[in-house]
Amino acid sequence: METNVEFLPETLDYLEELVTKLYQMGYFSWLDTSQKYVDDLYYDIKNNLPVKHHKPAPPYFDRYGTGMFYASFKKNRNTTYYAFFTKYLVNGETIYLVRYVSNNHMIAKYL
């Protein structure tokens, strides 16, 4: 069975905005370093989401889609990102549609 990980356009927009936000907030001294950090997050989700342990998303996250799951992606000692997604089976292929991404600093109280 094949798997494919896709992202909603607004989720990709969030990741693009995250590059600038992390740089402007001083988490990275160079825009290139911030871009690499976000690229690594994107590729980690894209390549590893299907094999990650996942849990049903709490009702708070229904605003991004119903019947979702989430998986965690630890980036460093202090920060873990969460990818919220829906799974679909289409013509024998499992599609993981990433609907929302955020980190523990923003959403921990809702998990």
C-alpha atoms as a PDB file:
ATOM      1  CA  MET A   1       0.000   0.000   0.000  1.00  0.00           C
ATOM      2  CA  GLU A   2       1.333   3.409  -0.971  1.00  0.00           C
ATOM      3  CA  THR A   3       1.251   6.493   1.218  1.00  0.00           C
ATOM      4  CA  ASN A   4       1.355  10.148   0.344  1.00  0.00           C
ATOM      5  CA  VAL A   5       1.623  13.190   2.615  1.00  0.00           C
ATOM      6  CA  GLU A   6       0.000  16.392   1.363  1.00  0.00           C
ATOM      7  CA  PHE A   7      -0.403  19.833   2.970  1.00  0.00           C
ATOM      8  CA  LEU A   8      -3.306  22.267   2.750  1.00  0.00           C
ATOM      9  CA  PRO A   9      -2.242  25.561   1.107  1.00  0.00           C
ATOM     10  CA  GLU A  10      -2.848  27.456   4.362  1.00  0.00           C
ATOM     11  CA  THR A  11      -0.566  25.042   6.193  1.00  0.00           C
ATOM     12  CA  LEU A  12       2.193  25.692   3.666  1.00  0.00           C
ATOM     13  CA  ASP A  13       1.554  29.440   4.090  1.00  0.00           C
ATOM     14  CA  TYR A  14       2.010  29.050   7.855  1.00  0.00           C
ATOM     15  CA  LEU A  15       5.358  27.305   7.360  1.00  0.00           C
ATOM     16  CA  GLU A  16       6.537  30.058   4.997  1.00  0.00           C
ATOM     17  CA  GLU A  17       5.501  32.749   7.495  1.00  0.00           C
ATOM     18  CA  LEU A  18       7.233  30.802  10.264  1.00  0.00           C
ATOM     19  CA  VAL A  19      10.601  31.322   8.560  1.00  0.00           C
ATOM     20  CA  THR A  20      10.319  35.104   8.850  1.00  0.00           C
ATOM     21  CA  LYS A  21       8.704  35.034  12.281  1.00  0.00           C
ATOM     22  CA  LEU A  22      11.467  32.890  13.827  1.00  0.00           C
ATOM     23  CA  TYR A  23      14.115  35.169  12.321  1.00  0.00           C
ATOM     24  CA  GLN A  24      12.396  38.412  13.397  1.00  0.00           C
ATOM     25  CA  MET A  25      11.864  37.115  16.930  1.00  0.00           C
ATOM     26  CA  GLY A  26      15.587  36.414  17.210  1.00  0.00           C
ATOM     27  CA  TYR A  27      15.470  32.623  17.371  1.00  0.00           C
ATOM     28  CA  PHE A  28      17.894  32.586  14.432  1.00  0.00           C
ATOM     29  CA  SER A  29      20.580  35.121  13.558  1.00  0.00           C
ATOM     30  CA  TRP A  30      20.354  34.402   9.832  1.00  0.00           C
ATOM     31  CA  LEU A  31      17.309  34.081   7.603  1.00  0.00           C
ATOM     32  CA  ASP A  32      19.012  31.137   5.854  1.00  0.00           C
ATOM     33  CA  THR A  33      19.237  29.264   9.166  1.00  0.00           C
ATOM     34  CA  SER A  34      15.579  29.920   9.908  1.00  0.00           C
ATOM     35  CA  GLN A  35      14.671  28.669   6.406  1.00  0.00           C
ATOM     36  CA  LYS A  36      16.686  25.474   6.941  1.00  0.00           C
ATOM     37  CA  TYR A  37      14.964  24.864  10.299  1.00  0.00           C
ATOM     38  CA  VAL A  38      11.506  25.153   8.728  1.00  0.00           C
ATOM     39  CA  ASP A  39      12.555  23.113   5.671  1.00  0.00           C
ATOM     40  CA  ASP A  40      13.783  20.360   8.011  1.00  0.00           C
ATOM     41  CA  LEU A  41      10.429  20.448   9.842  1.00  0.00           C
ATOM     42  CA  TYR A  42       8.536  20.216   6.539  1.00  0.00           C
ATOM     43  CA  TYR A  43      10.609  17.275   5.287  1.00  0.00           C
ATOM     44  CA  ASP A  44      10.384  15.518   8.661  1.00  0.00           C
ATOM     45  CA  ILE A  45       6.585  15.707   8.489  1.00  0.00           C
ATOM     46  CA  LYS A  46       6.473  14.818   4.776  1.00  0.00           C
ATOM     47  CA  ASN A  47       8.770  11.800   5.124  1.00  0.00           C
ATOM     48  CA  ASN A  48       7.945  10.475   8.591  1.00  0.00           C
ATOM     49  CA  LEU A  49       4.286  11.213   9.311  1.00  0.00           C
ATOM     50  CA  PRO A  50       3.072   7.806   8.077  1.00  0.00           C
ATOM     51  CA  VAL A  51       5.344   5.960  10.535  1.00  0.00           C
ATOM     52  CA  LYS A  52       4.858   8.257  13.529  1.00  0.00           C
ATOM     53  CA  HIS A  53       2.725   7.242  16.476  1.00  0.00           C
ATOM     54  CA  HIS A  54      -0.418   9.346  16.318  1.00  0.00           C
ATOM     55  CA  LYS A  55      -3.383  10.091  18.533  1.00  0.00           C
ATOM     56  CA  PRO A  56      -6.891  11.428  17.906  1.00  0.00           C
ATOM     57  CA  ALA A  57      -6.930  15.227  17.977  1.00  0.00           C
ATOM     58  CA  PRO A  58      -8.840  16.816  20.865  1.00  0.00           C
ATOM     59  CA  PRO A  59     -12.150  18.550  20.003  1.00  0.00           C
ATOM     60  CA  TYR A  60     -10.487  21.991  20.227  1.00  0.00           C
ATOM     61  CA  PHE A  61      -8.807  21.270  16.878  1.00  0.00           C
ATOM     62  CA  ASP A  62     -12.067  20.454  15.052  1.00  0.00           C
ATOM     63  CA  ARG A  63     -11.872  24.022  13.722  1.00  0.00           C
ATOM     64  CA  TYR A  64      -9.232  22.695  11.300  1.00  0.00           C
ATOM     65  CA  GLY A  65     -11.136  19.542  10.341  1.00  0.00           C
ATOM     66  CA  THR A  66     -13.051  16.721  11.962  1.00  0.00           C
ATOM     67  CA  GLY A  67     -11.806  13.219  12.595  1.00  0.00           C
ATOM     68  CA  MET A  68      -8.212  14.364  12.750  1.00  0.00           C
ATOM     69  CA  PHE A  69      -5.149  12.825  14.321  1.00  0.00           C
ATOM     70  CA  TYR A  70      -1.902  14.421  15.421  1.00  0.00           C
ATOM     71  CA  ALA A  71       1.736  13.377  15.629  1.00  0.00           C
ATOM     72  CA  SER A  72       4.663  15.092  17.328  1.00  0.00           C
ATOM     73  CA  PHE A  73       7.994  16.178  15.865  1.00  0.00           C
ATOM     74  CA  LYS A  74      10.620  17.179  18.429  1.00  0.00           C
ATOM     75  CA  LYS A  75      12.896  19.903  17.080  1.00  0.00           C
ATOM     76  CA  ASN A  76      15.017  20.612  20.154  1.00  0.00           C
ATOM     77  CA  ARG A  77      15.023  20.344  23.943  1.00  0.00           C
ATOM     78  CA  ASN A  78      12.296  22.969  24.321  1.00  0.00           C
ATOM     79  CA  THR A  79      10.195  22.784  21.175  1.00  0.00           C
ATOM     80  CA  THR A  80       7.976  20.096  19.743  1.00  0.00           C
ATOM     81  CA  TYR A  81       5.830  20.682  16.664  1.00  0.00           C
ATOM     82  CA  TYR A  82       2.525  18.924  16.133  1.00  0.00           C
ATOM     83  CA  ALA A  83       1.091  18.042  12.734  1.00  0.00           C
ATOM     84  CA  PHE A  84      -2.694  17.632  12.665  1.00  0.00           C
ATOM     85  CA  PHE A  85      -3.963  15.555   9.795  1.00  0.00           C
ATOM     86  CA  THR A  86      -6.754  13.528   8.284  1.00  0.00           C
ATOM     87  CA  LYS A  87      -6.179  10.115   6.704  1.00  0.00           C
ATOM     88  CA  TYR A  88      -7.955   9.098   3.506  1.00  0.00           C
ATOM     89  CA  LEU A  89      -7.839   5.903   1.482  1.00  0.00           C
ATOM     90  CA  VAL A  90      -8.024   6.639  -2.254  1.00  0.00           C
ATOM     91  CA  ASN A  91      -7.614   3.845  -4.812  1.00  0.00           C
ATOM     92  CA  GLY A  92      -5.533   1.772  -2.394  1.00  0.00           C
ATOM     93  CA  GLU A  93      -3.298   4.711  -1.464  1.00  0.00           C
ATOM     94  CA  THR A  94      -3.319   6.236   2.013  1.00  0.00           C
ATOM     95  CA  ILE A  95      -3.313  10.029   1.845  1.00  0.00           C
ATOM     96  CA  TYR A  96      -2.263  11.998   4.912  1.00  0.00           C
ATOM     97  CA  LEU A  97      -3.610  15.541   4.577  1.00  0.00           C
ATOM     98  CA  VAL A  98      -1.825  17.908   6.962  1.00  0.00           C
ATOM     99  CA  ARG A  99      -4.364  20.542   7.982  1.00  0.00           C
ATOM    100  CA  TYR A 100      -2.570  22.399  10.765  1.00  0.00           C
ATOM    101  CA  VAL A 101       0.902  22.663  12.299  1.00  0.00           C
ATOM    102  CA  SER A 102       1.820  24.344  15.576  1.00  0.00           C
ATOM    103  CA  ASN A 103       4.191  23.915  18.499  1.00  0.00           C
ATOM    104  CA  ASN A 104       4.003  23.192  22.211  1.00  0.00           C
ATOM    105  CA  HIS A 105       4.522  26.859  23.091  1.00  0.00           C
ATOM    106  CA  MET A 106       1.258  27.757  21.347  1.00  0.00           C
ATOM    107  CA  ILE A 107      -1.064  24.766  21.873  1.00  0.00           C
ATOM    108  CA  ALA A 108       0.158  22.642  24.799  1.00  0.00           C
ATOM    109  CA  LYS A 109      -2.812  23.633  26.945  1.00  0.00           C
ATOM    110  CA  TYR A 110      -5.206  22.161  24.359  1.00  0.00           C
ATOM    111  CA  LEU A 111      -3.569  18.741  24.045  1.00  0.00           C
END
